[in-house]
Amino acid sequence: MLEGIVYIARKLGWSRKEIGKLSPAQFNAILRELQRQETQEEDKKDYRTASLMAMMANCAQSKRVYQPKDFLRREHPVKNPSNIMELARQKGIKTPKEVG
């Protein structure tokens, strides 16, 4: 909870008093949206860097043709990080609900 308050304060420049006026649902929605947007921004930066790396690798004498995805940490950017259960299923991780 404290990390979320600090995160929102830092990203939006809001005071603790302003954040304290939010309902729990509003707080969680804002936090999730900020994290989603930040993930998208990071994915775009990573892709631009990977594109440059692929271009440089392709300019070297190599028989292989590189793509930006060859240099990315993950193949597909996370579309909706708020649905952790779906992400777990996609990775083959059994959640406590499925195990029990």
Protein backbone atom coordinates (compact mmCIF):
# COMPACT_ATOMS: atom_id res chain seq x y z
CA MET A 1 0.00 0.00 0.00
CA LEU A 2 2.74 2.46 0.97
CA GLU A 3 4.64 1.65 -2.22
CA GLY A 4 1.51 2.44 -4.24
CA ILE A 5 1.06 5.78 -2.49
CA VAL A 6 4.68 6.74 -3.12
CA TYR A 7 4.41 5.58 -6.73
CA ILE A 8 1.29 7.67 -7.42
CA ALA A 9 2.76 10.68 -5.61
CA ARG A 10 5.96 10.45 -7.63
CA LYS A 11 4.27 9.87 -11.01
CA LEU A 12 1.43 12.38 -10.68
CA GLY A 13 2.90 14.84 -8.20
CA TRP A 14 -0.04 14.37 -5.84
CA SER A 15 0.21 14.88 -2.10
CA ARG A 16 -0.69 12.22 0.45
CA LYS A 17 -3.76 14.29 1.27
CA GLU A 18 -4.96 14.20 -2.34
CA ILE A 19 -4.26 10.48 -2.60
CA GLY A 20 -6.06 9.90 0.70
CA LYS A 21 -9.28 11.30 -0.78
CA LEU A 22 -9.43 8.44 -3.28
CA SER A 23 -11.64 5.45 -2.63
CA PRO A 24 -9.80 2.09 -2.59
CA ALA A 25 -11.28 1.27 -6.00
CA GLN A 26 -10.12 4.60 -7.46
CA PHE A 27 -6.68 4.17 -5.92
CA ASN A 28 -6.28 0.68 -7.39
CA ALA A 29 -7.58 1.75 -10.80
CA ILE A 30 -5.14 4.68 -10.98
CA LEU A 31 -2.27 2.51 -9.79
CA ARG A 32 -3.02 -0.21 -12.37
CA GLU A 33 -3.35 2.32 -15.19
CA LEU A 34 -0.09 4.04 -14.28
CA GLN A 35 1.69 0.70 -14.22
CA ARG A 36 0.11 -0.33 -17.55
CA GLN A 37 1.20 2.90 -19.21
CA GLU A 38 4.70 2.63 -17.80
CA THR A 39 4.97 -0.95 -19.08
CA GLN A 40 3.86 0.20 -22.55
CA GLU A 41 6.43 3.01 -22.53
CA GLU A 42 9.18 0.60 -21.48
CA ASP A 43 8.16 -1.87 -24.19
CA LYS A 44 8.38 0.89 -26.82
CA LYS A 45 11.82 1.96 -25.61
CA ASP A 46 13.00 -1.64 -25.55
CA TYR A 47 11.73 -2.21 -29.09
CA ARG A 48 13.49 0.90 -30.42
CA THR A 49 16.75 -0.22 -28.82
CA ALA A 50 16.28 -3.76 -30.14
CA SER A 51 15.66 -2.38 -33.64
CA LEU A 52 18.97 -0.50 -33.52
CA MET A 53 20.76 -3.59 -32.24
CA ALA A 54 19.27 -5.71 -35.03
CA MET A 55 20.29 -3.14 -37.62
CA MET A 56 23.87 -3.06 -36.31
CA ALA A 57 24.06 -6.86 -36.17
CA ASN A 58 22.72 -7.10 -39.73
CA CYS A 59 25.38 -4.64 -40.95
CA ALA A 60 28.10 -6.93 -39.62
CA GLN A 61 29.25 -9.77 -41.83
CA SER A 62 26.84 -12.42 -40.71
CA LYS A 63 24.74 -15.00 -42.50
CA ARG A 64 21.93 -14.64 -40.00
CA VAL A 65 19.33 -11.90 -40.31
CA TYR A 66 18.41 -10.47 -36.93
CA GLN A 67 15.01 -9.11 -35.92
CA PRO A 68 14.28 -6.77 -32.99
CA LYS A 69 12.57 -9.65 -31.15
CA ASP A 70 15.96 -11.43 -31.03
CA PHE A 71 17.13 -8.76 -28.59
CA LEU A 72 14.02 -8.35 -26.44
CA ARG A 73 13.62 -9.82 -22.95
CA ARG A 74 10.22 -11.22 -23.79
CA GLU A 75 8.70 -12.11 -27.12
CA HIS A 76 5.37 -10.38 -26.68
CA PRO A 77 4.72 -7.28 -24.56
CA VAL A 78 2.24 -7.75 -21.75
CA LYS A 79 -1.09 -6.43 -22.97
CA ASN A 80 -2.91 -6.25 -19.64
CA PRO A 81 -0.69 -6.64 -16.57
CA SER A 82 -3.68 -6.31 -14.23
CA ASN A 83 -4.92 -9.83 -15.06
CA ILE A 84 -2.25 -11.77 -13.18
CA MET A 85 -4.26 -15.00 -13.21
CA GLU A 86 -4.42 -15.02 -17.02
CA LEU A 87 -0.70 -14.30 -17.26
CA ALA A 88 -0.01 -17.22 -14.91
CA ARG A 89 -2.14 -19.56 -17.05
CA GLN A 90 -0.32 -18.43 -20.20
CA LYS A 91 3.00 -19.30 -18.59
CA GLY A 92 1.72 -22.66 -17.37
CA ILE A 93 1.79 -21.65 -13.70
CA LYS A 94 -0.91 -23.22 -11.55
CA THR A 95 -2.54 -20.72 -9.24
CA PRO A 96 -3.55 -21.63 -5.68
CA LYS A 97 -7.17 -21.76 -6.81
CA GLU A 98 -6.34 -24.39 -9.44
CA VAL A 99 -4.08 -26.45 -7.15
CA GLY A 100 -6.41 -26.57 -4.14
